[in-house]
Amino acid sequence: MDTLTDFFMTEAEILTALAHPTRLEILELLREGELCVCHIQAVLDQRQAYVSQQLNTLRQAGLVSRRKDGKRVYYRVSDARIFEVTDSLKGFLRAQKKRKISIPEKVEASAPKQPCNCPRCVSTPA
């Protein structure tokens, strides 16, 4: 393959990773910073295996990275410039007057829908 074809293949891999509503939601959650898998799972109200599968797709595309801390696995966005892409898409959708959906200016991270015992959710006694 030539260099241009390689570039388009890589570009398509990244766009494919973005082409899933749960993965886009995960990226929005990570916009605020690093989160553990259990917290993402609790916010999305999804099974751990499903969340891990979506995170793995994002990681393989180079969009997120992970670190382990004991038994917990934390994810963060590898390069914040990915938000320029998602923000541009939101702007494009807002400009599409024929779309009958509400496009928020900012997506707020919602509270977990399931109990979450991560350090972010559980305060340690003083």
Protein backbone atom coordinates (compact mmCIF):
# COMPACT_ATOMS: atom_id res chain seq x y z
CA MET A 1 0.00 0.00 0.00
CA ASP A 2 1.12 3.53 -0.61
CA THR A 3 1.49 6.21 2.03
CA LEU A 4 -1.78 7.93 1.13
CA THR A 5 -3.71 4.67 1.37
CA ASP A 6 -2.11 3.97 4.76
CA PHE A 7 -3.16 7.41 5.95
CA PHE A 8 -6.78 6.90 4.86
CA MET A 9 -6.84 3.44 6.46
CA THR A 10 -5.62 4.89 9.76
CA GLU A 11 -8.12 7.73 9.53
CA ALA A 12 -10.91 5.22 8.87
CA GLU A 13 -9.86 3.15 11.92
CA ILE A 14 -10.19 6.18 14.17
CA LEU A 15 -13.54 7.18 12.67
CA THR A 16 -14.76 3.60 13.06
CA ALA A 17 -13.81 3.70 16.75
CA LEU A 18 -15.80 6.92 17.09
CA ALA A 19 -18.81 5.49 15.24
CA HIS A 20 -20.57 4.11 18.32
CA PRO A 21 -22.78 6.03 20.75
CA THR A 22 -21.37 4.35 23.86
CA ARG A 23 -17.78 5.08 22.83
CA LEU A 24 -18.67 8.72 22.19
CA GLU A 25 -20.32 8.88 25.62
CA ILE A 26 -17.22 7.35 27.22
CA LEU A 27 -15.04 10.00 25.57
CA GLU A 28 -17.34 12.72 26.93
CA LEU A 29 -17.03 11.23 30.42
CA LEU A 30 -13.24 11.22 30.04
CA ARG A 31 -13.28 14.87 28.97
CA GLU A 32 -13.29 15.74 32.67
CA GLY A 33 -10.24 13.55 33.34
CA GLU A 34 -9.18 10.05 34.23
CA LEU A 35 -11.84 7.58 35.42
CA CYS A 36 -11.77 3.99 36.59
CA VAL A 37 -13.69 1.33 34.69
CA CYS A 38 -16.09 0.76 37.59
CA HIS A 39 -17.09 4.45 37.54
CA ILE A 40 -17.66 4.46 33.78
CA GLN A 41 -19.67 1.26 34.15
CA ALA A 42 -21.80 2.79 36.93
CA VAL A 43 -22.49 6.00 34.97
CA LEU A 44 -23.41 4.12 31.79
CA ASP A 45 -25.38 1.47 33.71
CA GLN A 46 -23.81 -1.24 31.57
CA ARG A 47 -22.11 -4.56 32.28
CA GLN A 48 -18.37 -4.43 32.97
CA ALA A 49 -17.61 -6.69 30.00
CA TYR A 50 -19.48 -4.37 27.61
CA VAL A 51 -17.73 -1.25 28.95
CA SER A 52 -14.34 -2.97 28.77
CA GLN A 53 -15.02 -3.98 25.16
CA GLN A 54 -15.82 -0.37 24.21
CA LEU A 55 -12.75 0.92 26.07
CA ASN A 56 -10.58 -1.66 24.33
CA THR A 57 -11.81 -0.46 20.92
CA LEU A 58 -10.96 3.13 21.88
CA ARG A 59 -7.56 2.02 23.19
CA GLN A 60 -6.72 0.05 20.04
CA ALA A 61 -7.49 3.17 17.99
CA GLY A 62 -5.10 5.14 20.21
CA LEU A 63 -7.84 7.40 21.56
CA VAL A 64 -7.51 6.39 25.22
CA SER A 65 -4.76 4.99 27.40
CA ARG A 66 -4.95 3.08 30.64
CA ARG A 67 -3.04 2.54 33.82
CA LYS A 68 -3.45 0.02 36.61
CA ASP A 69 -3.50 0.89 40.28
CA GLY A 70 -3.89 -2.30 42.27
CA LYS A 71 -7.05 -3.97 41.06
CA ARG A 72 -8.43 -0.81 39.47
CA VAL A 73 -7.89 0.16 35.85
CA TYR A 74 -8.07 3.85 34.98
CA TYR A 75 -8.62 5.33 31.53
CA ARG A 76 -7.87 8.77 30.15
CA VAL A 77 -7.94 10.39 26.75
CA SER A 78 -4.59 9.96 25.00
CA ASP A 79 -4.73 13.30 23.20
CA ALA A 80 -7.29 16.01 23.99
CA ARG A 81 -7.31 17.05 20.32
CA ILE A 82 -9.88 14.28 19.76
CA PHE A 83 -12.37 16.67 21.35
CA GLU A 84 -11.76 19.08 18.47
CA VAL A 85 -13.13 16.33 16.23
CA THR A 86 -16.18 15.57 18.39
CA ASP A 87 -16.85 19.28 18.99
CA SER A 88 -16.66 19.93 15.23
CA LEU A 89 -19.18 17.15 14.68
CA LYS A 90 -21.53 18.75 17.22
CA GLY A 91 -21.16 22.07 15.39
CA PHE A 92 -21.91 20.34 12.10
CA LEU A 93 -25.03 18.76 13.60
CA ARG A 94 -26.20 22.11 15.00
CA ALA A 95 -25.85 23.63 11.52
CA GLN A 96 -28.02 20.86 10.06
CA LYS A 97 -31.39 22.55 10.62
CA LYS A 98 -33.25 19.49 9.36
CA ARG A 99 -32.03 17.46 12.35
CA LYS A 100 -34.77 17.24 14.96
CA ILE A 101 -32.50 16.52 17.91
CA SER A 102 -31.21 18.76 20.66
CA ILE A 103 -27.42 19.13 20.58
CA PRO A 104 -26.08 20.20 23.98
CA GLU A 105 -23.33 22.80 24.20
CA LYS A 106 -21.66 20.72 26.91
CA VAL A 107 -22.38 17.19 28.05
CA GLU A 108 -22.24 17.00 31.83
CA ALA A 109 -21.02 13.80 33.41
CA SER A 110 -24.05 12.34 35.10
CA ALA A 111 -24.10 10.70 38.49
CA PRO A 112 -23.61 6.94 38.55
CA LYS A 113 -26.83 4.99 37.99
CA GLN A 114 -25.41 2.04 39.91
CA PRO A 115 -23.50 2.00 43.19
CA CYS A 116 -19.84 2.75 42.60
CA ASN A 117 -17.13 2.20 45.18
CA CYS A 118 -14.29 3.90 43.34
CA PRO A 119 -12.19 6.52 45.16
CA ARG A 120 -14.04 9.25 43.25
CA CYS A 121 -17.41 8.15 44.66
CA VAL A 122 -16.47 6.93 48.12
CA SER A 123 -15.10 9.50 50.50
CA THR A 124 -12.50 8.22 52.89
CA PRO A 125 -13.01 8.97 56.59
CA ALA A 126 -10.89 11.79 57.96
